[in-house]
C-alpha atoms as a PDB file:
ATOM      1  CA  MET A   1       0.000   0.000   0.000  1.00  0.00           C
ATOM      2  CA  ASN A   2       1.241   3.461  -0.879  1.00  0.00           C
ATOM      3  CA  LEU A   3       1.036   5.876   2.088  1.00  0.00           C
ATOM      4  CA  ARG A   4       1.182   9.596   1.381  1.00  0.00           C
ATOM      5  CA  PRO A   5       3.742  11.179   3.734  1.00  0.00           C
ATOM      6  CA  ALA A   6       1.553  14.292   4.021  1.00  0.00           C
ATOM      7  CA  LEU A   7      -1.061  12.241   5.903  1.00  0.00           C
ATOM      8  CA  PHE A   8       1.506  10.909   8.361  1.00  0.00           C
ATOM      9  CA  TRP A   9       3.451  14.075   9.050  1.00  0.00           C
ATOM     10  CA  ASP A  10       3.994  13.139  12.706  1.00  0.00           C
ATOM     11  CA  THR A  11       5.473   9.687  12.106  1.00  0.00           C
ATOM     12  CA  ASP A  12       8.058   8.047   9.887  1.00  0.00           C
ATOM     13  CA  VAL A  13       6.128   6.417   7.036  1.00  0.00           C
ATOM     14  CA  ASN A  14       8.841   3.782   6.587  1.00  0.00           C
ATOM     15  CA  LYS A  15       8.399   2.547  10.174  1.00  0.00           C
ATOM     16  CA  ILE A  16       4.634   2.041  10.011  1.00  0.00           C
ATOM     17  CA  ASP A  17       3.694  -1.630  10.134  1.00  0.00           C
ATOM     18  CA  LEU A  18       0.436  -1.846   8.168  1.00  0.00           C
ATOM     19  CA  GLN A  19      -0.857  -4.830  10.142  1.00  0.00           C
ATOM     20  CA  LYS A  20       0.274  -3.830  13.616  1.00  0.00           C
ATOM     21  CA  HIS A  21      -0.842  -0.200  13.260  1.00  0.00           C
ATOM     22  CA  ARG A  22      -3.873  -0.788  11.069  1.00  0.00           C
ATOM     23  CA  ALA A  23      -6.326   1.074  13.339  1.00  0.00           C
ATOM     24  CA  PHE A  24      -4.089   4.161  13.238  1.00  0.00           C
ATOM     25  CA  VAL A  25      -3.654   3.954   9.462  1.00  0.00           C
ATOM     26  CA  ILE A  26      -7.361   3.402   8.758  1.00  0.00           C
ATOM     27  CA  GLU A  27      -8.497   6.226  11.031  1.00  0.00           C
ATOM     28  CA  ARG A  28      -5.909   8.689   9.697  1.00  0.00           C
ATOM     29  CA  ILE A  29      -6.655   7.986   6.039  1.00  0.00           C
ATOM     30  CA  THR A  30     -10.415   8.076   6.604  1.00  0.00           C
ATOM     31  CA  THR A  31     -10.382  11.380   8.481  1.00  0.00           C
ATOM     32  CA  ARG A  32      -7.675  13.229   6.549  1.00  0.00           C
ATOM     33  CA  GLY A  33      -7.175  11.432   3.243  1.00  0.00           C
ATOM     34  CA  ARG A  34      -8.562  11.857  -0.225  1.00  0.00           C
ATOM     35  CA  VAL A  35     -11.095   9.607  -1.900  1.00  0.00           C
ATOM     36  CA  GLU A  36      -8.270   7.868  -3.801  1.00  0.00           C
ATOM     37  CA  ASP A  37      -6.537   7.115  -0.484  1.00  0.00           C
ATOM     38  CA  PHE A  38      -9.751   5.656   0.911  1.00  0.00           C
ATOM     39  CA  ARG A  39     -10.244   3.450  -2.166  1.00  0.00           C
ATOM     40  CA  GLU A  40      -6.718   2.104  -1.847  1.00  0.00           C
ATOM     41  CA  LEU A  41      -7.337   1.515   1.856  1.00  0.00           C
ATOM     42  CA  MET A  42     -10.469  -0.497   1.069  1.00  0.00           C
ATOM     43  CA  LYS A  43      -8.578  -2.592  -1.500  1.00  0.00           C
ATOM     44  CA  TYR A  44      -5.719  -3.313   0.888  1.00  0.00           C
ATOM     45  CA  TYR A  45      -7.598  -4.131   4.112  1.00  0.00           C
ATOM     46  CA  GLY A  46     -11.010  -5.112   2.778  1.00  0.00           C
ATOM     47  CA  ARG A  47     -14.430  -3.711   3.526  1.00  0.00           C
ATOM     48  CA  ASP A  48     -15.084  -5.756   6.683  1.00  0.00           C
ATOM     49  CA  VAL A  49     -11.804  -4.854   8.408  1.00  0.00           C
ATOM     50  CA  VAL A  50     -12.178  -1.143   7.645  1.00  0.00           C
ATOM     51  CA  ARG A  51     -15.797  -1.159   8.838  1.00  0.00           C
ATOM     52  CA  ASP A  52     -14.923  -2.930  12.100  1.00  0.00           C
ATOM     53  CA  VAL A  53     -12.047  -0.570  12.863  1.00  0.00           C
ATOM     54  CA  LEU A  54     -14.160   2.513  12.190  1.00  0.00           C
ATOM     55  CA  LEU A  55     -17.088   1.171  14.211  1.00  0.00           C
ATOM     56  CA  ASN A  56     -14.729   0.909  17.199  1.00  0.00           C
ATOM     57  CA  ALA A  57     -12.914   4.226  16.693  1.00  0.00           C
ATOM     58  CA  ARG A  58     -12.984   6.498  19.739  1.00  0.00           C
ATOM     59  CA  TYR A  59     -13.282   9.693  17.697  1.00  0.00           C
ATOM     60  CA  LEU A  60     -14.512  10.585  14.224  1.00  0.00           C
ATOM     61  CA  ASP A  61     -15.559  14.101  13.295  1.00  0.00           C
ATOM     62  CA  LYS A  62     -19.189  14.602  12.269  1.00  0.00           C
ATOM     63  CA  ARG A  63     -18.468  14.689   8.536  1.00  0.00           C
ATOM     64  CA  THR A  64     -16.384  11.503   8.630  1.00  0.00           C
ATOM     65  CA  LEU A  65     -18.999   9.776  10.764  1.00  0.00           C
ATOM     66  CA  ALA A  66     -21.725  10.652   8.253  1.00  0.00           C
ATOM     67  CA  PHE A  67     -19.521   9.435   5.376  1.00  0.00           C
ATOM     68  CA  CYS A  68     -18.775   6.113   7.109  1.00  0.00           C
ATOM     69  CA  SER A  69     -22.412   5.636   8.030  1.00  0.00           C
ATOM     70  CA  LEU A  70     -23.398   6.107   4.392  1.00  0.00           C
ATOM     71  CA  ILE A  71     -20.620   3.988   2.859  1.00  0.00           C
ATOM     72  CA  PHE A  72     -21.051   1.025   5.206  1.00  0.00           C
ATOM     73  CA  GLN A  73     -24.849   1.411   5.564  1.00  0.00           C
ATOM     74  CA  VAL A  74     -24.633   1.363   9.355  1.00  0.00           C
ATOM     75  CA  PRO A  75     -26.631   3.812  11.499  1.00  0.00           C
ATOM     76  CA  LYS A  76     -24.571   6.494  13.244  1.00  0.00           C
ATOM     77  CA  THR A  77     -25.803   5.207  16.585  1.00  0.00           C
ATOM     78  CA  GLU A  78     -23.828   1.977  16.098  1.00  0.00           C
ATOM     79  CA  PHE A  79     -20.458   3.759  16.044  1.00  0.00           C
ATOM     80  CA  ARG A  80     -18.496   3.848  19.284  1.00  0.00           C
ATOM     81  CA  CYS A  81     -17.506   7.484  18.741  1.00  0.00           C
ATOM     82  CA  TYR A  82     -21.177   8.467  18.544  1.00  0.00           C
ATOM     83  CA  LYS A  83     -21.991   6.660  21.792  1.00  0.00           C
ATOM     84  CA  LEU A  84     -19.027   8.294  23.551  1.00  0.00           C
ATOM     85  CA  ALA A  85     -20.064  11.742  22.314  1.00  0.00           C
ATOM     86  CA  GLN A  86     -23.590  11.197  23.633  1.00  0.00           C
ATOM     87  CA  SER A  87     -22.339  10.145  27.057  1.00  0.00           C
ATOM     88  CA  ASN A  88     -20.031  13.206  27.298  1.00  0.00           C
ATOM     89  CA  PRO A  89     -22.162  16.223  26.360  1.00  0.00           C
ATOM     90  CA  GLU A  90     -20.477  19.567  25.752  1.00  0.00           C
ATOM     91  CA  HIS A  91     -20.972  22.558  28.008  1.00  0.00           C
ATOM     92  CA  TRP A  92     -23.676  24.990  27.130  1.00  0.00           C
ATOM     93  CA  ASP A  93     -22.536  28.094  25.329  1.00  0.00           C
ATOM     94  CA  TYR A  94     -24.250  31.087  26.968  1.00  0.00           C
END
């Protein structure tokens, strides 16, 4: 798999083990990558692995969550990040 160094600015791309660090790679590419990066990710890991990792992610921004919900046809309420956000409401802005 070809990793764009711009996505992994904080780590050495050559030291990333794609199996050992797959949750990190999948989350980073999904939240910050391009559509081409996501397609390559799906080819490399497979739909089921990517879906399972993203369902168990602790944080996904609202746009990424909506995208993943649509692509994998899973309700937003099934994602771990959604459940965590609901259990930790933000402070009211007066």
